[in-house]
Amino acid sequence: MGEDMKTVGVGFYWDDLKEGDKFRTLNRTITETDIVNFISVTGMLETIFTDLSFSEHHGAIQGRVVPAALSYTVVEGLLCQSTMQTTGLALLEVTKKVKAPVFAGDTVHGEVTVESSRETSKGGRGIVITNNDIVNQKGETVITYRAVRMMAGRPKE
């Protein structure tokens, strides 16, 4: 590769992000297949997720509900692909609140606001705190969470 060739897909460095910065992810529709694969691989084989008649007989929620953990990880995946590729070092803490259910066929995206960004004492990396909203196709915020991450710093020239 030539020296002038750039690599595409590299995420944000911690020092690219400033308090108040905002961005959103692409959309992702959560499908029946996503639900089945997720509950199978995680062992979340709860009746609410495995019995399609559950909501008719027992549930206060009507419809094919998506595990909140799936909705959250789908948005984290969108963030990994677009904002942290090669720059994300560690997810240190998450505080999450589920506000409304997500159903099979719903389309979600993430809306992110940077709360703070600072260099670590070791240098070359930083701590970035974000407030994240998961929003459905109706514009409803279904999950909110605060994430603390360690991210790489911009390489020195």
Protein backbone atom coordinates (compact mmCIF):
# COMPACT_ATOMS: atom_id res chain seq x y z
CA MET A 1 0.00 0.00 0.00
CA GLY A 2 1.15 3.50 -0.76
CA GLU A 3 1.84 5.94 2.05
CA ASP A 4 -0.98 8.20 0.85
CA MET A 5 -3.59 5.42 1.01
CA LYS A 6 -6.05 5.83 3.89
CA THR A 7 -7.84 3.07 5.74
CA VAL A 8 -11.61 3.44 5.77
CA GLY A 9 -13.83 2.40 8.66
CA VAL A 10 -11.59 3.55 11.53
CA GLY A 11 -13.65 4.78 14.49
CA PHE A 12 -13.37 7.94 16.55
CA TYR A 13 -10.36 8.44 18.78
CA TRP A 14 -11.12 9.65 22.30
CA ASP A 15 -9.59 13.03 21.50
CA ASP A 16 -11.94 13.46 18.50
CA LEU A 17 -14.94 13.49 20.86
CA LYS A 18 -15.88 16.56 22.84
CA GLU A 19 -18.56 17.21 25.46
CA GLY A 20 -21.88 17.88 23.73
CA ASP A 21 -21.01 16.12 20.46
CA LYS A 22 -24.03 14.24 19.07
CA PHE A 23 -24.42 11.56 16.43
CA ARG A 24 -26.78 8.76 15.46
CA THR A 25 -26.32 5.28 14.09
CA LEU A 26 -27.83 3.69 11.05
CA ASN A 27 -31.18 1.92 11.46
CA ARG A 28 -31.57 -1.80 12.11
CA THR A 29 -34.81 -3.80 11.93
CA ILE A 30 -34.95 -6.56 14.53
CA THR A 31 -36.37 -9.75 13.01
CA GLU A 32 -37.82 -13.00 14.28
CA THR A 33 -34.57 -14.69 13.27
CA ASP A 34 -32.61 -12.22 15.41
CA ILE A 35 -34.77 -13.11 18.43
CA VAL A 36 -34.43 -16.88 17.93
CA ASN A 37 -30.67 -16.68 17.42
CA PHE A 38 -30.16 -14.37 20.40
CA ILE A 39 -32.22 -16.37 22.91
CA SER A 40 -30.60 -19.58 21.73
CA VAL A 41 -27.00 -18.39 21.99
CA THR A 42 -27.53 -16.63 25.34
CA GLY A 43 -29.77 -19.25 26.96
CA MET A 44 -32.52 -16.65 27.54
CA LEU A 45 -35.11 -19.31 26.88
CA GLU A 46 -37.85 -17.64 28.92
CA THR A 47 -41.44 -18.49 28.07
CA ILE A 48 -42.15 -14.91 27.04
CA PHE A 49 -39.58 -15.39 24.25
CA THR A 50 -40.26 -19.04 23.32
CA ASP A 51 -44.08 -19.33 23.53
CA LEU A 52 -45.78 -17.23 20.86
CA SER A 53 -49.14 -17.62 22.64
CA PHE A 54 -47.73 -16.31 25.96
CA SER A 55 -48.93 -12.73 25.49
CA GLU A 56 -52.45 -13.93 24.67
CA HIS A 57 -52.75 -15.88 27.93
CA HIS A 58 -50.38 -14.34 30.46
CA GLY A 59 -48.80 -11.17 29.31
CA ALA A 60 -49.59 -7.54 29.77
CA ILE A 61 -47.55 -6.90 26.63
CA GLN A 62 -49.19 -7.98 23.37
CA GLY A 63 -46.96 -9.05 20.47
CA ARG A 64 -43.62 -10.72 19.78
CA VAL A 65 -41.43 -8.99 22.34
CA VAL A 66 -37.68 -8.59 21.83
CA PRO A 67 -35.36 -9.15 24.81
CA ALA A 68 -34.12 -5.73 25.95
CA ALA A 69 -30.59 -7.15 25.96
CA LEU A 70 -30.95 -7.84 22.23
CA SER A 71 -32.10 -4.30 21.46
CA TYR A 72 -29.19 -2.92 23.46
CA THR A 73 -26.58 -5.17 21.83
CA VAL A 74 -27.89 -4.42 18.33
CA VAL A 75 -27.25 -0.72 18.91
CA GLU A 76 -23.87 -1.47 20.51
CA GLY A 77 -23.04 -3.43 17.36
CA LEU A 78 -23.99 -0.48 15.17
CA LEU A 79 -21.75 1.72 17.31
CA CYS A 80 -18.85 -0.76 17.15
CA GLN A 81 -19.06 -0.92 13.37
CA SER A 82 -19.16 2.84 12.89
CA THR A 83 -17.54 4.65 15.82
CA MET A 84 -15.14 2.27 17.58
CA GLN A 85 -13.57 0.11 14.88
CA THR A 86 -9.88 -0.22 15.91
CA THR A 87 -10.22 2.56 18.52
CA GLY A 88 -12.47 0.99 21.16
CA LEU A 89 -10.37 -0.59 23.90
CA ALA A 90 -12.84 -1.50 26.68
CA LEU A 91 -16.43 -1.05 27.80
CA LEU A 92 -15.97 -0.20 31.48
CA GLU A 93 -19.48 0.50 32.75
CA VAL A 94 -23.10 0.61 31.59
CA THR A 95 -26.13 1.99 33.39
CA LYS A 96 -29.33 1.13 31.51
CA LYS A 97 -33.06 1.85 31.81
CA VAL A 98 -35.69 0.10 29.69
CA LYS A 99 -38.57 2.49 29.00
CA ALA A 100 -40.73 0.59 26.49
CA PRO A 101 -40.81 -2.78 24.73
CA VAL A 102 -39.37 -3.47 21.30
CA PHE A 103 -41.21 -5.93 19.06
CA ALA A 104 -40.19 -8.15 16.15
CA GLY A 105 -40.25 -5.97 13.06
CA ASP A 106 -39.39 -2.76 14.91
CA THR A 107 -36.56 -0.66 13.52
CA VAL A 108 -34.20 0.93 16.02
CA HIS A 109 -31.23 3.27 15.95
CA GLY A 110 -28.97 4.87 18.53
CA GLU A 111 -28.71 8.57 19.35
CA VAL A 112 -25.54 9.42 21.25
CA THR A 113 -24.45 12.48 23.20
CA VAL A 114 -20.91 12.76 24.54
CA GLU A 115 -21.02 13.63 28.25
CA SER A 116 -17.25 13.85 28.71
CA SER A 117 -13.93 12.85 27.22
CA ARG A 118 -10.57 12.89 28.99
CA GLU A 119 -7.11 11.41 28.68
CA THR A 120 -6.08 8.69 31.13
CA SER A 121 -3.09 9.10 33.44
CA LYS A 122 -1.09 6.65 31.26
CA GLY A 123 -1.71 8.74 28.16
CA GLY A 124 -2.37 7.57 24.62
CA ARG A 125 -5.92 6.59 25.57
CA GLY A 126 -8.92 8.22 27.12
CA ILE A 127 -12.18 7.69 28.94
CA VAL A 128 -15.30 8.66 27.01
CA ILE A 129 -18.71 8.81 28.69
CA THR A 130 -21.80 8.88 26.49
CA ASN A 131 -25.53 9.04 27.04
CA ASN A 132 -27.29 6.82 24.53
CA ASP A 133 -30.93 6.61 23.49
CA ILE A 134 -32.31 3.66 21.55
CA VAL A 135 -35.14 5.02 19.43
CA ASN A 136 -37.73 3.03 17.45
CA GLN A 137 -39.32 3.80 14.08
CA LYS A 138 -42.08 5.83 15.82
CA GLY A 139 -39.50 8.16 17.37
CA GLU A 140 -40.04 6.66 20.84
CA THR A 141 -37.04 6.23 23.14
CA VAL A 142 -37.25 2.59 24.26
CA ILE A 143 -33.96 2.27 26.18
CA THR A 144 -31.57 4.83 27.61
CA TYR A 145 -28.10 4.01 28.82
CA ARG A 146 -24.91 5.68 29.92
CA ALA A 147 -21.68 4.04 28.78
CA VAL A 148 -18.14 4.54 30.03
CA ARG A 149 -15.51 3.40 27.53
CA MET A 150 -11.76 3.40 27.18
CA MET A 151 -10.72 4.47 23.70
CA ALA A 152 -7.43 4.86 21.90
CA GLY A 153 -5.95 8.29 21.29
CA ARG A 154 -5.11 9.70 17.91
CA PRO A 155 -1.68 8.40 16.86
CA LYS A 156 1.14 10.91 16.92
CA GLU A 157 2.26 12.03 13.46
